[in-house]
Amino acid sequence: MDQRNTPLFNALLHYIEQNTLPFHSPAHKQGVGLAGPFRDFVGSNVLAIDLTVLPDLDFLSAPRGPIKRAQELAADAYGADHAFFLINGTSGGIHAMIMAAVGPGDKVLMPRNVHKSVFAGLVLSGAIPVYLQPEYDDRFGIPLQITPEQVEEAFRRDPDIKAVFVVNPTYYGIATYLRRIVEIAHGRGVPVIVDEAHGAHLIFNDALPESAMEAGADISAISTHKVAGSMTQSSLLVMKEGLLDYDRVQEILNYLQSTSPSFVLMASLDVARSNIAVHGDRLIKQAVSLAGEVRRRINEIPGFFAFGEEMVERGSVAAIDPTKITIRTVDLGLTGFEVEAILNREFDIAIELSGEHYILIPITIGDRRDRVERFLSALARLAQRFGKGPGSADRFLEAVRPPEIPPAVMPPRQAVFSKRDIVPISRAAGRVSAETILVYPPGIPIVTPGERITTEVLDYIDSLNRETTLLQGMSDPSLLTLQVLSEDGLGNVGQQRA
């Protein structure tokens, strides 16, 4: 296929050129009905293509025209049999993947460091998670990956597993041995579904880890807006025929997605796909080269350190994405949370993510040298101000590891719809959680509905609450109280092994 083509964007331009009189939604009628300041800021062209489903523009729920052709080009670009436009982000794609692969009571093998959208997919599908604890890096305080050996052992313990869910690569650009995991699962007739939110660029350059489709996975959700240049909230779902059915995936997406999809978002997907498919190798080479320079120069600044290829020596790490730069900050005597706050407040620099021990920045196809120079200059100034020599980071010698996965008492869906009480957090130990508590970003759960709250969980929540305001999910933002399942509602529900 000619990846230079942008059939959906071209159809929108043709609609505008025809000077069609729009007696249809949206009500602003190509910007005429919008207030001046917003209209003036975003521009008339964007508002002109904010249109609705029309025969000439196609229907996302049953594509036959330009959307269909644009999705076929996306499938071709990503080495898939089918592609689907997502207009509610990769989260919607994750929901759809889970619901298309498993149903009520089915078991899904997955790492604990999954995004919060995965839990929503479990609730929607009624599936039951079987968690694996990923390898952990104490120096940076981050999860790494699960291993093929863990997957094999999980199947030996529980042959009823119906799907394997893998995060590849992680937020930190860390990839596992996905091809081997696929072989293990497929040997048992089990599909592999992949959260590839941070891998929209992988297939377009050999310097990057193997993509899900290259590794033989059945379906993956790809955040083109995170890495490949489309607009926020637009993503792709790509799949191969075999263990999953195209019609079933389309059916599930029709349950989940809007019947009034944004043509602005879909046009950005069409154009971003064309750009990265045609120019991706060159653009990614530039980003990889720039990231390599940034990493080297960070490691020359006292008090900061960014890991590189040496991480591949770890047992669960098959490869890393060099465009993701995770920077240890605590040797300077500052948490990542503190560094993020200073960069934002004093230097007007916003970063992707911070943790107790680190900050993270991606270098993408949109970055240029002047941007990274400003960032590096800010780090150098922080090093001059806070560098105290040896011993300044004694309180950070060891990262606070996440607690053991709490024991599951009931399936997520059942827990979400069960009766609940509100209790002081000081009295929550031993109760079964009715809400999810997580740090966002990256969105990894500490405890989820249906899991028993342990003292270790409460201690970990307390330590994070003192360091960051990024805890989410709880109904009481002050964390003075928690929602738990009512004792009389638990009945004779026994503890389930996960």
Protein backbone atom coordinates (compact mmCIF):
# COMPACT_ATOMS: atom_id res chain seq x y z
CA MET A 1 0.00 0.00 0.00
CA ASP A 2 1.09 3.57 -0.61
CA GLN A 3 1.58 4.92 2.89
CA ARG A 4 1.69 8.48 1.57
CA ASN A 5 -2.09 8.28 1.13
CA THR A 6 -4.36 9.87 3.75
CA PRO A 7 -7.86 8.85 2.58
CA LEU A 8 -9.83 10.17 5.56
CA PHE A 9 -8.06 13.51 5.71
CA ASN A 10 -8.50 13.87 1.97
CA ALA A 11 -12.24 13.14 2.27
CA LEU A 12 -12.56 15.90 4.87
CA LEU A 13 -10.73 18.36 2.63
CA HIS A 14 -12.98 17.41 -0.28
CA TYR A 15 -16.05 18.07 1.88
CA ILE A 16 -14.74 21.58 2.64
CA GLU A 17 -13.85 22.30 -0.99
CA GLN A 18 -17.39 21.42 -2.07
CA ASN A 19 -18.68 24.23 0.17
CA THR A 20 -21.38 21.87 1.46
CA LEU A 21 -24.16 23.53 3.45
CA PRO A 22 -24.19 21.69 6.83
CA PHE A 23 -27.70 21.07 8.12
CA HIS A 24 -26.35 18.48 10.57
CA SER A 25 -24.50 18.34 13.88
CA PRO A 26 -22.31 19.55 15.50
CA ALA A 27 -24.27 22.64 16.41
CA HIS A 28 -21.39 25.10 16.04
CA LYS A 29 -21.59 24.58 12.22
CA GLN A 30 -17.87 24.65 11.48
CA GLY A 31 -17.15 27.29 14.10
CA VAL A 32 -19.85 29.83 13.27
CA GLY A 33 -21.67 29.21 16.54
CA LEU A 34 -18.64 29.21 18.80
CA ALA A 35 -17.48 32.08 20.99
CA GLY A 36 -14.82 34.26 19.40
CA PRO A 37 -11.80 33.68 21.69
CA PHE A 38 -11.86 29.90 21.33
CA ARG A 39 -12.61 30.04 17.62
CA ASP A 40 -9.83 32.57 17.05
CA PHE A 41 -7.32 30.50 19.01
CA VAL A 42 -7.90 27.06 17.47
CA GLY A 43 -8.47 28.40 13.97
CA SER A 44 -11.17 27.97 11.39
CA ASN A 45 -9.58 24.97 9.67
CA VAL A 46 -9.82 22.70 12.69
CA LEU A 47 -13.43 23.68 13.29
CA ALA A 48 -14.25 23.16 9.61
CA ILE A 49 -13.38 19.46 9.84
CA ASP A 50 -15.15 18.92 13.17
CA LEU A 51 -17.94 17.10 11.39
CA THR A 52 -20.33 14.23 11.96
CA VAL A 53 -20.84 10.82 10.38
CA LEU A 54 -21.97 11.27 6.78
CA PRO A 55 -22.03 8.84 3.85
CA ASP A 56 -19.12 10.61 2.16
CA LEU A 57 -17.08 10.69 5.37
CA ASP A 58 -17.90 7.15 6.57
CA PHE A 59 -19.02 5.53 9.83
CA LEU A 60 -16.54 4.34 12.46
CA SER A 61 -18.94 1.66 13.68
CA ALA A 62 -19.30 0.13 10.19
CA PRO A 63 -16.57 1.58 7.96
CA ARG A 64 -17.00 1.21 4.21
CA GLY A 65 -15.34 4.31 2.77
CA PRO A 66 -12.41 6.55 3.75
CA ILE A 67 -12.26 5.34 7.37
CA LYS A 68 -12.06 1.75 6.12
CA ARG A 69 -9.27 2.63 3.70
CA ALA A 70 -7.41 4.59 6.38
CA GLN A 71 -7.64 1.65 8.79
CA GLU A 72 -6.37 -0.73 6.11
CA LEU A 73 -3.34 1.51 5.62
CA ALA A 74 -2.75 1.50 9.38
CA ALA A 75 -2.93 -2.29 9.47
CA ASP A 76 -0.42 -2.49 6.64
CA ALA A 77 1.93 -0.03 8.35
CA TYR A 78 1.92 -2.00 11.60
CA GLY A 79 2.19 -5.47 10.06
CA ALA A 80 -1.33 -6.43 11.15
CA ASP A 81 -4.33 -8.00 9.45
CA HIS A 82 -6.72 -5.37 10.81
CA ALA A 83 -6.59 -1.96 12.48
CA PHE A 84 -9.27 0.01 14.28
CA PHE A 85 -9.31 3.72 15.04
CA LEU A 86 -9.71 4.50 18.75
CA ILE A 87 -11.17 7.86 19.71
CA ASN A 88 -11.23 7.36 23.48
CA GLY A 89 -7.55 6.64 23.84
CA THR A 90 -5.63 3.44 24.32
CA SER A 91 -7.69 2.83 27.45
CA GLY A 92 -10.70 2.10 25.24
CA GLY A 93 -8.59 -0.29 23.20
CA ILE A 94 -7.49 -2.12 26.34
CA HIS A 95 -11.11 -2.50 27.41
CA ALA A 96 -11.98 -3.87 23.97
CA MET A 97 -9.04 -6.31 23.85
CA ILE A 98 -9.94 -7.84 27.19
CA MET A 99 -13.65 -8.07 26.38
CA ALA A 100 -12.96 -9.63 22.99
CA ALA A 101 -10.62 -12.25 24.46
CA VAL A 102 -12.34 -13.30 27.69
CA GLY A 103 -15.70 -13.27 29.41
CA PRO A 104 -17.21 -13.66 32.88
CA GLY A 105 -15.18 -15.98 35.11
CA ASP A 106 -12.34 -16.42 32.61
CA LYS A 107 -8.82 -16.04 33.99
CA VAL A 108 -6.34 -13.58 32.50
CA LEU A 109 -2.64 -13.81 33.31
CA MET A 110 -1.07 -10.38 33.67
CA PRO A 111 1.70 -8.47 35.42
CA ARG A 112 0.74 -6.42 38.45
CA ASN A 113 2.18 -3.24 36.90
CA VAL A 114 -0.74 -2.83 34.51
CA HIS A 115 -2.43 0.47 33.76
CA LYS A 116 -5.64 1.30 35.62
CA SER A 117 -7.61 0.85 32.39
CA VAL A 118 -6.89 -2.89 32.61
CA PHE A 119 -8.85 -3.09 35.85
CA ALA A 120 -11.76 -1.36 34.13
CA GLY A 121 -11.52 -4.01 31.39
CA LEU A 122 -11.74 -6.72 34.04
CA VAL A 123 -14.86 -5.14 35.52
CA LEU A 124 -16.49 -4.75 32.10
CA SER A 125 -15.69 -8.32 31.02
CA GLY A 126 -16.19 -10.07 34.35
CA ALA A 127 -12.79 -11.76 33.92
CA ILE A 128 -10.54 -12.67 36.85
CA PRO A 129 -6.90 -11.51 37.00
CA VAL A 130 -4.07 -13.89 37.77
CA TYR A 131 -1.22 -11.57 38.67
CA LEU A 132 2.52 -11.98 38.19
CA GLN A 133 4.93 -9.78 40.13
CA PRO A 134 7.45 -8.22 37.72
CA GLU A 135 11.13 -8.00 38.50
CA TYR A 136 11.96 -4.81 40.41
CA ASP A 137 14.88 -2.39 40.19
CA ASP A 138 15.78 -1.01 43.63
CA ARG A 139 18.18 1.62 42.34
CA PHE A 140 15.46 3.45 40.41
CA GLY A 141 12.46 2.13 42.30
CA ILE A 142 10.66 0.91 39.16
CA PRO A 143 9.11 -2.37 38.01
CA LEU A 144 10.88 -4.08 35.12
CA GLN A 145 9.20 -7.01 33.35
CA ILE A 146 7.76 -10.47 33.74
CA THR A 147 9.67 -13.41 32.26
CA PRO A 148 8.68 -16.29 29.98
CA GLU A 149 9.58 -18.63 32.85
CA GLN A 150 6.97 -16.95 35.06
CA VAL A 151 4.38 -17.39 32.32
CA GLU A 152 5.24 -21.08 31.91
CA GLU A 153 5.03 -21.64 35.66
CA ALA A 154 1.66 -19.85 35.80
CA PHE A 155 0.25 -22.20 33.15
CA ARG A 156 1.56 -25.19 35.09
CA ARG A 157 -0.18 -23.94 38.24
CA ASP A 158 -3.37 -22.93 36.47
CA PRO A 159 -4.11 -24.48 33.07
CA ASP A 160 -7.48 -22.68 33.00
CA ILE A 161 -5.86 -19.36 32.01
CA LYS A 162 -7.70 -18.10 28.90
CA ALA A 163 -5.55 -15.12 27.88
CA VAL A 164 -2.16 -13.57 28.58
CA PHE A 165 -1.92 -9.80 28.96
CA VAL A 166 1.52 -8.20 28.55
CA VAL A 167 2.70 -4.62 28.97
CA ASN A 168 5.39 -4.16 26.33
CA PRO A 169 7.29 -1.91 26.49
CA THR A 170 6.63 -0.43 29.92
CA TYR A 171 6.32 3.29 30.66
CA TYR A 172 10.09 3.21 31.18
CA GLY A 173 10.77 1.71 27.75
CA ILE A 174 11.59 -1.76 29.08
CA ALA A 175 10.69 -4.71 26.86
CA THR A 176 10.36 -8.37 27.79
CA TYR A 177 10.93 -11.52 25.74
CA LEU A 178 7.55 -11.13 24.08
CA ARG A 179 8.14 -13.55 21.21
CA ARG A 180 8.88 -16.35 23.68
CA ILE A 181 5.80 -15.50 25.79
CA VAL A 182 3.68 -15.64 22.62
CA GLU A 183 5.09 -19.08 21.78
CA ILE A 184 4.27 -20.36 25.26
CA ALA A 185 0.69 -19.06 25.15
CA HIS A 186 0.00 -20.09 21.57
CA GLY A 187 1.27 -23.58 22.38
CA ARG A 188 -1.75 -23.80 24.67
CA GLY A 189 -4.15 -22.13 22.23
CA VAL A 190 -4.26 -18.98 24.37
CA PRO A 191 -4.20 -15.47 22.82
CA VAL A 192 -1.69 -12.80 23.84
CA ILE A 193 -3.00 -9.26 24.18
CA VAL A 194 -0.53 -6.41 24.52
CA ASP A 195 -0.69 -2.98 26.06
CA GLU A 196 1.64 -1.30 23.56
CA ALA A 197 0.78 2.24 24.64
CA HIS A 198 4.44 3.22 24.57
CA GLY A 199 5.34 1.31 21.41
CA ALA A 200 3.66 3.07 18.48
CA HIS A 201 7.09 3.68 16.92
CA LEU A 202 8.74 0.29 17.48
CA ILE A 203 8.03 -1.29 14.10
CA PHE A 204 9.51 1.63 12.16
CA ASN A 205 13.15 1.36 13.29
CA ASP A 206 15.44 -1.59 13.98
CA ALA A 207 17.17 0.20 16.89
CA LEU A 208 14.00 -0.26 18.94
CA PRO A 209 12.55 -3.37 20.64
CA GLU A 210 10.40 -5.75 18.62
CA SER A 211 6.78 -4.69 18.21
CA ALA A 212 3.82 -6.81 19.31
CA MET A 213 2.83 -7.69 15.75
CA GLU A 214 6.42 -8.63 14.87
CA ALA A 215 6.54 -10.88 17.94
CA GLY A 216 3.35 -12.68 16.84
CA ALA A 217 0.94 -11.29 19.44
CA ASP A 218 -2.76 -11.50 18.61
CA ILE A 219 -3.82 -7.92 19.34
CA SER A 220 -2.29 -4.73 20.72
CA ALA A 221 -3.43 -1.27 21.70
CA ILE A 222 -1.08 1.47 20.48
CA SER A 223 -0.95 5.06 21.73
CA THR A 224 -0.15 6.85 18.51
CA HIS A 225 -0.71 10.12 20.35
CA LYS A 226 2.04 9.30 22.88
CA VAL A 227 4.80 8.46 20.44
CA ALA A 228 3.76 8.67 16.80
CA GLY A 229 2.38 12.21 16.61
CA SER A 230 -1.43 12.02 16.45
CA MET A 231 -3.63 14.15 18.69
CA THR A 232 -4.28 13.29 22.31
CA GLN A 233 -7.04 10.71 22.83
CA SER A 234 -6.46 9.08 19.43
CA SER A 235 -4.96 5.58 19.27
CA LEU A 236 -4.98 2.38 17.25
CA LEU A 237 -5.98 -1.21 17.91
CA VAL A 238 -4.17 -3.67 15.62
CA MET A 239 -4.71 -7.41 15.39
CA LYS A 240 -3.86 -10.61 13.57
CA GLU A 241 -6.45 -13.17 12.52
CA GLY A 242 -6.38 -16.51 14.30
CA LEU A 243 -7.22 -16.84 17.97
CA LEU A 244 -9.30 -13.64 17.97
CA ASP A 245 -12.12 -12.74 15.61
CA TYR A 246 -12.33 -9.44 13.68
CA ASP A 247 -16.13 -9.25 13.84
CA ARG A 248 -16.06 -9.80 17.60
CA VAL A 249 -13.53 -7.00 18.11
CA GLN A 250 -15.60 -4.61 15.97
CA GLU A 251 -18.72 -5.55 17.90
CA ILE A 252 -17.06 -4.83 21.25
CA LEU A 253 -15.69 -1.50 19.99
CA ASN A 254 -19.19 -0.53 18.89
CA TYR A 255 -20.38 -1.10 22.46
CA LEU A 256 -17.60 1.07 23.87
CA GLN A 257 -16.97 3.89 21.42
CA SER A 258 -18.99 7.00 20.63
CA THR A 259 -21.45 6.94 17.75
CA SER A 260 -20.29 10.53 17.12
CA PRO A 261 -16.52 10.07 16.75
CA SER A 262 -14.26 13.07 16.39
CA PHE A 263 -13.18 13.45 12.77
CA VAL A 264 -10.43 15.79 13.94
CA LEU A 265 -8.93 13.00 16.03
CA MET A 266 -9.38 10.40 13.31
CA ALA A 267 -7.84 12.68 10.68
CA SER A 268 -4.84 13.17 12.96
CA LEU A 269 -4.49 9.37 13.18
CA ASP A 270 -4.60 9.10 9.40
CA VAL A 271 -1.94 11.77 8.90
CA ALA A 272 0.30 10.63 11.80
CA ARG A 273 0.26 7.06 10.44
CA SER A 274 1.29 8.30 7.02
CA ASN A 275 4.06 10.46 8.44
CA ILE A 276 5.65 7.81 10.61
CA ALA A 277 5.22 5.05 8.01
CA VAL A 278 6.92 7.14 5.31
CA HIS A 279 9.44 9.09 7.37
CA GLY A 280 9.58 7.08 10.59
CA ASP A 281 12.97 5.47 10.08
CA ARG A 282 14.65 8.85 9.60
CA LEU A 283 12.66 10.62 12.32
CA ILE A 284 13.24 7.85 14.85
CA LYS A 285 16.95 7.70 14.04
CA GLN A 286 17.10 11.40 14.86
CA ALA A 287 15.22 10.86 18.11
CA VAL A 288 17.43 7.89 19.10
CA SER A 289 20.56 9.88 18.35
CA LEU A 290 19.34 12.89 20.30
CA ALA A 291 18.28 10.66 23.21
CA GLY A 292 21.73 9.06 23.26
CA GLU A 293 23.35 12.47 23.54
CA VAL A 294 20.92 13.55 26.25
CA ARG A 295 21.58 10.37 28.25
CA ARG A 296 25.36 10.80 27.96
CA ARG A 297 25.24 14.43 29.06
CA ILE A 298 22.89 13.70 31.96
CA ASN A 299 25.37 11.13 33.21
CA GLU A 300 28.06 13.81 33.19
CA ILE A 301 26.04 15.98 35.60
CA PRO A 302 26.92 15.14 39.24
CA GLY A 303 23.92 13.80 41.13
CA PHE A 304 21.98 12.55 38.12
CA PHE A 305 22.10 9.18 36.33
CA ALA A 306 20.08 7.76 33.42
CA PHE A 307 20.20 4.02 32.80
CA GLY A 308 20.98 2.62 29.36
CA GLU A 309 21.78 -0.68 27.70
CA GLU A 310 23.29 -2.08 30.88
CA MET A 311 19.72 -2.65 32.06
CA VAL A 312 19.42 -5.42 29.46
CA GLU A 313 21.65 -7.53 31.68
CA ARG A 314 18.66 -7.99 34.01
CA GLY A 315 16.83 -11.31 33.70
CA SER A 316 13.45 -9.94 32.60
CA VAL A 317 14.73 -7.21 30.27
CA ALA A 318 15.10 -8.23 26.64
CA ALA A 319 15.68 -4.71 25.30
CA ILE A 320 15.10 -1.05 26.10
CA ASP A 321 13.67 1.79 24.10
CA PRO A 322 16.52 4.34 24.12
CA THR A 323 14.12 7.24 23.56
CA LYS A 324 12.71 6.81 27.09
CA ILE A 325 15.09 8.40 29.61
CA THR A 326 14.61 7.54 33.28
CA ILE A 327 16.84 9.71 35.47
CA ARG A 328 17.82 8.86 39.04
CA THR A 329 17.66 12.02 41.15
CA VAL A 330 18.16 10.97 44.75
CA ASP A 331 21.96 11.03 44.65
CA LEU A 332 21.45 14.79 44.64
CA GLY A 333 19.38 14.56 47.80
CA LEU A 334 16.08 15.22 45.99
CA THR A 335 13.17 12.94 45.24
CA GLY A 336 11.86 12.82 41.70
CA PHE A 337 8.72 14.51 42.96
CA GLU A 338 10.81 17.42 44.26
CA VAL A 339 12.79 17.71 41.02
CA GLU A 340 9.59 17.75 38.97
CA ALA A 341 8.13 20.51 41.15
CA ILE A 342 11.28 22.65 40.86
CA LEU A 343 11.53 22.19 37.09
CA ASN A 344 7.90 23.22 36.72
CA ARG A 345 7.93 26.11 39.18
CA GLU A 346 11.31 27.68 38.43
CA PHE A 347 12.14 26.65 34.87
CA ASP A 348 8.69 26.28 33.25
CA ILE A 349 9.58 22.72 32.25
CA ALA A 350 6.91 20.01 32.45
CA ILE A 351 8.07 16.40 32.48
CA GLU A 352 6.29 13.13 31.78
CA LEU A 353 6.58 11.35 35.11
CA SER A 354 8.26 11.40 38.53
CA GLY A 355 8.71 8.88 41.32
CA GLU A 356 10.46 8.81 44.64
CA HIS A 357 13.83 8.03 43.05
CA TYR A 358 13.51 9.31 39.48
CA ILE A 359 12.04 11.50 36.78
CA LEU A 360 11.24 10.36 33.24
CA ILE A 361 11.27 12.20 29.93
CA PRO A 362 10.60 10.82 26.43
CA ILE A 363 12.54 12.06 23.41
CA THR A 364 10.14 11.89 20.49
CA ILE A 365 9.94 12.79 16.81
CA GLY A 366 8.79 16.25 17.94
CA ASP A 367 11.87 17.11 20.00
CA ARG A 368 14.66 19.37 18.80
CA ARG A 369 18.07 20.29 20.15
CA ASP A 370 17.04 23.66 21.58
CA ARG A 371 14.40 21.92 23.69
CA VAL A 372 16.79 19.41 25.23
CA GLU A 373 19.46 22.07 25.79
CA ARG A 374 17.03 23.97 27.97
CA PHE A 375 16.28 20.83 29.96
CA LEU A 376 19.93 19.90 30.39
CA SER A 377 20.76 23.43 31.48
CA ALA A 378 18.08 23.23 34.18
CA LEU A 379 19.50 19.93 35.50
CA ALA A 380 22.99 21.42 35.61
CA ARG A 381 21.71 24.36 37.64
CA LEU A 382 19.98 22.00 40.07
CA ALA A 383 23.21 20.05 40.48
CA GLN A 384 25.09 23.24 41.31
CA ARG A 385 22.48 24.29 43.87
CA PHE A 386 21.81 21.00 45.63
CA GLY A 387 25.05 19.02 45.21
CA LYS A 388 26.35 18.26 48.69
CA GLY A 389 28.91 15.58 48.02
CA PRO A 390 28.93 12.01 49.37
CA GLY A 391 26.28 11.17 51.92
CA SER A 392 23.70 13.69 50.71
CA ALA A 393 21.31 10.92 49.70
CA ASP A 394 21.70 8.57 52.65
CA ARG A 395 17.95 8.48 53.21
CA PHE A 396 17.46 7.15 49.66
CA LEU A 397 19.79 4.17 49.77
CA GLU A 398 16.92 1.78 49.12
CA ALA A 399 13.66 2.35 47.31
CA VAL A 400 10.42 1.57 49.10
CA ARG A 401 9.18 -1.46 47.21
CA PRO A 402 5.49 -1.84 46.48
CA PRO A 403 3.87 -4.31 48.87
CA GLU A 404 3.11 -7.88 47.97
CA ILE A 405 0.01 -8.26 45.82
CA PRO A 406 -2.91 -8.20 48.26
CA PRO A 407 -4.92 -11.43 48.51
CA ALA A 408 -8.02 -11.45 46.30
CA VAL A 409 -11.29 -12.20 48.09
CA MET A 410 -13.70 -11.81 45.17
CA PRO A 411 -13.57 -11.02 41.43
CA PRO A 412 -13.23 -7.33 40.49
CA ARG A 413 -16.66 -7.04 38.85
CA GLN A 414 -18.46 -8.56 41.84
CA ALA A 415 -16.57 -6.28 44.22
CA VAL A 416 -17.42 -3.12 42.27
CA PHE A 417 -21.15 -3.89 42.47
CA SER A 418 -21.16 -5.03 46.11
CA LYS A 419 -22.43 -3.13 49.13
CA ARG A 420 -19.79 -0.96 50.80
CA ASP A 421 -18.96 0.90 54.00
CA ILE A 422 -16.77 3.91 54.74
CA VAL A 423 -14.20 3.37 57.50
CA PRO A 424 -11.31 5.43 58.92
CA ILE A 425 -8.10 4.41 57.19
CA SER A 426 -6.67 3.53 60.61
CA ARG A 427 -9.26 0.75 60.82
CA ALA A 428 -9.03 -0.47 57.22
CA ALA A 429 -6.44 -3.24 57.73
CA GLY A 430 -8.01 -6.62 57.13
CA ARG A 431 -11.06 -5.19 55.33
CA VAL A 432 -11.72 -5.82 51.63
CA SER A 433 -11.21 -2.77 49.44
CA ALA A 434 -14.12 -1.36 47.46
CA GLU A 435 -11.99 1.14 45.56
CA THR A 436 -8.77 1.32 43.59
CA ILE A 437 -5.84 3.29 44.95
CA LEU A 438 -3.03 4.02 42.52
CA VAL A 439 -0.34 6.50 41.58
CA TYR A 440 -1.13 8.24 38.30
CA PRO A 441 0.91 8.49 36.21
CA PRO A 442 1.80 5.71 35.54
CA GLY A 443 -1.51 4.29 36.80
CA ILE A 444 -0.35 1.10 38.52
CA PRO A 445 -2.74 -0.07 41.28
CA ILE A 446 -1.68 -0.50 44.89
CA VAL A 447 -4.97 -2.15 45.86
CA THR A 448 -8.10 -2.82 43.82
CA PRO A 449 -11.74 -3.68 44.66
CA GLY A 450 -12.03 -7.21 45.94
CA GLU A 451 -8.53 -7.33 47.48
CA ARG A 452 -7.88 -7.46 51.21
CA ILE A 453 -6.17 -4.37 52.60
CA THR A 454 -2.98 -5.34 54.43
CA THR A 455 -0.90 -3.30 56.86
CA GLU A 456 1.85 -3.30 54.23
CA VAL A 457 -0.55 -1.71 51.74
CA LEU A 458 -1.50 0.98 54.26
CA ASP A 459 2.14 1.69 55.12
CA TYR A 460 2.99 2.05 51.42
CA ILE A 461 0.03 4.37 50.80
CA ASP A 462 1.10 6.49 53.79
CA SER A 463 4.69 6.77 52.52
CA LEU A 464 3.51 7.83 49.06
CA ASN A 465 0.95 10.24 50.44
CA ARG A 466 3.74 12.13 52.24
CA GLU A 467 5.74 12.48 49.01
CA THR A 468 3.25 13.08 46.20
CA THR A 469 -0.22 14.30 45.37
CA LEU A 470 -0.54 11.79 42.52
CA LEU A 471 -2.52 9.19 44.46
CA GLN A 472 -5.84 8.63 42.72
CA GLY A 473 -8.88 6.39 42.80
CA MET A 474 -10.01 6.88 46.39
CA SER A 475 -13.31 8.61 47.09
CA ASP A 476 -11.74 10.62 49.94
CA PRO A 477 -8.77 12.58 48.52
CA SER A 478 -7.59 13.34 52.06
CA LEU A 479 -7.18 9.58 52.68
CA LEU A 480 -8.75 9.89 56.11
CA THR A 481 -11.29 7.25 55.11
CA LEU A 482 -11.52 4.34 52.68
CA GLN A 483 -14.43 2.55 51.07
CA VAL A 484 -14.50 -1.15 51.95
CA LEU A 485 -16.93 -3.97 51.26
CA SER A 486 -19.59 -4.43 53.90
CA GLU A 487 -18.94 -7.37 56.18
CA ASP A 488 -22.49 -8.62 55.78
CA GLY A 489 -22.12 -8.42 52.00
CA LEU A 490 -19.12 -10.75 51.92
CA GLY A 491 -21.15 -13.74 53.04
CA ASN A 492 -19.25 -16.97 52.48
CA VAL A 493 -17.03 -15.69 49.70
CA GLY A 494 -13.74 -17.51 50.03
CA GLN A 495 -10.33 -16.13 49.26
CA GLN A 496 -9.26 -16.73 45.69
CA ARG A 497 -5.72 -17.40 44.67
CA ALA A 498 -4.27 -15.00 42.10
